[in-house]
């Protein structure tokens, strides 16, 4: 059986255009990207905070603030 204009199946171009307009699930994907970015930032922050130099700077900052 060949595709003729009288068949009821949408053409490939129409199906692709419809698929590109369909945005179901895009909000979930956006949330996933934001969560991954937040986790990566938290990992970098933990690594920086564990360094001895940063800990000493923060300790001096807290001591200075408490001695006022």
N, C-alpha and C. Protein backbone atom coordinates (compact mmCIF):
# COMPACT_ATOMS: atom_id res chain seq x y z
N UNK A 1 0.85 -1.17 0.00
CA UNK A 1 0.00 0.00 0.00
C UNK A 1 0.90 1.24 0.00
N UNK A 2 0.62 2.18 -0.82
CA UNK A 2 1.43 3.39 -0.93
C UNK A 2 0.72 4.55 -0.26
N UNK A 3 1.52 5.53 0.16
CA UNK A 3 0.94 6.73 0.75
C UNK A 3 0.40 7.62 -0.36
N UNK A 4 -0.84 7.93 -0.25
CA UNK A 4 -1.45 8.87 -1.18
C UNK A 4 -2.02 10.03 -0.39
N UNK A 5 -2.29 11.15 -1.01
CA UNK A 5 -2.83 12.30 -0.29
C UNK A 5 -4.17 12.02 0.38
N UNK A 6 -4.84 10.94 0.02
CA UNK A 6 -6.15 10.66 0.60
C UNK A 6 -6.05 9.86 1.89
N UNK A 7 -4.87 9.38 2.26
CA UNK A 7 -4.76 8.65 3.52
C UNK A 7 -4.84 9.63 4.68
N UNK A 8 -5.18 9.13 5.85
CA UNK A 8 -5.40 9.98 7.01
C UNK A 8 -4.17 10.14 7.88
N UNK A 9 -3.07 9.52 7.52
CA UNK A 9 -1.84 9.69 8.30
C UNK A 9 -1.22 11.03 7.98
N UNK A 10 -0.81 11.79 9.02
CA UNK A 10 -0.15 13.08 8.74
C UNK A 10 1.21 12.83 8.07
N UNK A 11 1.62 13.74 7.28
CA UNK A 11 2.91 13.64 6.61
C UNK A 11 4.02 13.81 7.62
N UNK A 12 5.21 13.41 7.23
CA UNK A 12 6.37 13.46 8.12
C UNK A 12 6.64 14.89 8.58
N UNK A 13 6.58 15.86 7.69
CA UNK A 13 6.83 17.26 8.04
C UNK A 13 5.84 17.76 9.07
N UNK A 14 4.58 17.41 8.91
CA UNK A 14 3.56 17.84 9.86
C UNK A 14 3.78 17.20 11.22
N UNK A 15 4.18 15.92 11.23
CA UNK A 15 4.45 15.25 12.51
C UNK A 15 5.64 15.87 13.20
N UNK A 16 6.68 16.23 12.45
CA UNK A 16 7.86 16.85 13.06
C UNK A 16 7.53 18.22 13.62
N UNK A 17 6.78 19.01 12.88
CA UNK A 17 6.39 20.34 13.37
C UNK A 17 5.57 20.22 14.64
N UNK A 18 4.66 19.27 14.68
CA UNK A 18 3.85 19.07 15.87
C UNK A 18 4.73 18.63 17.05
N UNK A 19 5.68 17.77 16.78
CA UNK A 19 6.58 17.31 17.84
C UNK A 19 7.46 18.42 18.38
N UNK A 20 7.85 19.36 17.54
CA UNK A 20 8.68 20.47 17.99
C UNK A 20 7.87 21.48 18.81
N UNK A 21 6.60 21.59 18.52
CA UNK A 21 5.75 22.52 19.27
C UNK A 21 5.34 21.95 20.61
N UNK A 22 5.38 20.64 20.74
CA UNK A 22 4.95 19.98 21.97
C UNK A 22 6.01 20.17 23.04
N UNK A 23 5.66 20.90 24.10
CA UNK A 23 6.64 21.20 25.14
C UNK A 23 6.36 20.47 26.45
N UNK A 24 5.61 19.39 26.39
CA UNK A 24 5.36 18.61 27.60
C UNK A 24 6.69 18.07 28.14
N UNK A 25 6.91 18.22 29.42
CA UNK A 25 8.12 17.72 30.05
C UNK A 25 9.27 18.72 30.05
N UNK A 26 9.10 19.86 29.39
CA UNK A 26 10.22 20.81 29.34
C UNK A 26 10.47 21.45 30.70
N UNK A 27 9.42 21.68 31.48
CA UNK A 27 9.62 22.26 32.82
C UNK A 27 10.40 21.29 33.70
N UNK A 28 10.10 20.01 33.59
CA UNK A 28 10.81 19.01 34.37
C UNK A 28 12.28 18.97 33.98
N UNK A 29 12.56 19.07 32.71
CA UNK A 29 13.95 19.09 32.26
C UNK A 29 14.67 20.34 32.75
N UNK A 30 13.99 21.46 32.76
CA UNK A 30 14.59 22.70 33.25
C UNK A 30 14.90 22.58 34.74
N UNK A 31 13.98 22.02 35.51
CA UNK A 31 14.23 21.82 36.94
C UNK A 31 15.42 20.89 37.15
N UNK A 32 15.53 19.86 36.35
CA UNK A 32 16.65 18.92 36.49
C UNK A 32 17.98 19.62 36.22
N UNK A 33 18.03 20.48 35.23
CA UNK A 33 19.26 21.22 34.92
C UNK A 33 19.62 22.16 36.07
N UNK A 34 18.62 22.84 36.62
CA UNK A 34 18.87 23.76 37.73
C UNK A 34 19.35 23.00 38.96
N UNK A 35 18.77 21.85 39.24
CA UNK A 35 19.20 21.05 40.39
C UNK A 35 20.62 20.55 40.20
N UNK A 36 20.95 20.10 39.01
CA UNK A 36 22.33 19.65 38.74
C UNK A 36 23.32 20.80 38.90
N UNK A 37 22.96 21.98 38.45
CA UNK A 37 23.85 23.14 38.61
C UNK A 37 24.02 23.48 40.08
N UNK A 38 22.94 23.41 40.86
CA UNK A 38 23.03 23.70 42.29
C UNK A 38 23.90 22.68 43.01
N UNK A 39 23.79 21.42 42.64
CA UNK A 39 24.62 20.37 43.26
C UNK A 39 26.09 20.58 42.91
N UNK A 40 26.36 20.94 41.67
CA UNK A 40 27.75 21.20 41.26
C UNK A 40 28.31 22.39 42.02
N UNK A 41 27.52 23.45 42.16
CA UNK A 41 27.98 24.62 42.91
C UNK A 41 28.22 24.27 44.38
N UNK A 42 27.34 23.47 44.96
CA UNK A 42 27.53 23.06 46.35
C UNK A 42 28.80 22.25 46.51
N UNK A 43 29.09 21.39 45.54
CA UNK A 43 30.33 20.60 45.59
C UNK A 43 31.57 21.48 45.55
N UNK A 44 31.55 22.48 44.69
CA UNK A 44 32.68 23.42 44.61
C UNK A 44 32.80 24.20 45.91
N UNK A 45 31.68 24.63 46.46
CA UNK A 45 31.69 25.39 47.71
C UNK A 45 32.24 24.57 48.87
N UNK A 46 31.86 23.31 48.96
CA UNK A 46 32.38 22.44 50.01
C UNK A 46 33.88 22.25 49.86
N UNK A 47 34.34 22.07 48.64
CA UNK A 47 35.78 21.91 48.40
C UNK A 47 36.55 23.15 48.83
N UNK A 48 36.03 24.31 48.49
CA UNK A 48 36.69 25.57 48.85
C UNK A 48 36.67 25.76 50.37
N UNK A 49 35.54 25.47 51.00
CA UNK A 49 35.42 25.68 52.45
C UNK A 49 36.31 24.75 53.25
N UNK A 50 36.67 23.60 52.71
CA UNK A 50 37.52 22.65 53.43
C UNK A 50 39.00 23.01 53.37
N UNK A 51 39.36 23.95 52.52
CA UNK A 51 40.77 24.31 52.44
C UNK A 51 41.19 25.07 53.70
N UNK A 52 42.42 24.84 54.14
CA UNK A 52 42.91 25.44 55.38
C UNK A 52 42.95 26.96 55.33
N UNK A 53 43.32 27.51 54.21
CA UNK A 53 43.42 28.97 54.08
C UNK A 53 42.07 29.64 54.26
N UNK A 54 41.04 29.09 53.65
CA UNK A 54 39.70 29.67 53.76
C UNK A 54 39.19 29.52 55.19
N UNK A 55 39.47 28.39 55.83
CA UNK A 55 39.03 28.19 57.21
C UNK A 55 39.68 29.21 58.14
N UNK A 56 40.96 29.49 57.93
CA UNK A 56 41.63 30.47 58.79
C UNK A 56 41.09 31.88 58.55
N UNK A 57 40.80 32.22 57.31
CA UNK A 57 40.22 33.53 57.01
C UNK A 57 38.86 33.67 57.69
N UNK A 58 38.03 32.63 57.59
CA UNK A 58 36.70 32.69 58.22
C UNK A 58 36.80 32.74 59.74
N UNK A 59 37.75 32.01 60.30
CA UNK A 59 37.93 32.03 61.75
C UNK A 59 38.32 33.42 62.23
N UNK A 60 39.23 34.05 61.52
CA UNK A 60 39.63 35.42 61.89
C UNK A 60 38.47 36.40 61.71
N UNK A 61 37.68 36.20 60.70
CA UNK A 61 36.52 37.06 60.47
C UNK A 61 35.52 36.95 61.61
N UNK A 62 35.25 35.72 62.04
CA UNK A 62 34.30 35.50 63.14
C UNK A 62 34.87 36.07 64.44
N UNK A 63 36.14 35.84 64.69
CA UNK A 63 36.77 36.37 65.92
C UNK A 63 36.69 37.90 65.93
N UNK A 64 36.96 38.51 64.80
CA UNK A 64 36.89 39.96 64.71
C UNK A 64 35.48 40.48 64.95
N UNK A 65 34.48 39.77 64.43
CA UNK A 65 33.10 40.20 64.60
C UNK A 65 32.63 40.01 66.04
N UNK A 66 33.12 38.96 66.71
CA UNK A 66 32.71 38.72 68.09
C UNK A 66 33.43 39.62 69.09
N UNK A 67 34.57 40.15 68.74
CA UNK A 67 35.33 40.98 69.67
C UNK A 67 34.86 42.43 69.67
N UNK A 68 33.93 42.79 68.80
CA UNK A 68 33.41 44.16 68.76
C UNK A 68 32.55 44.45 69.92
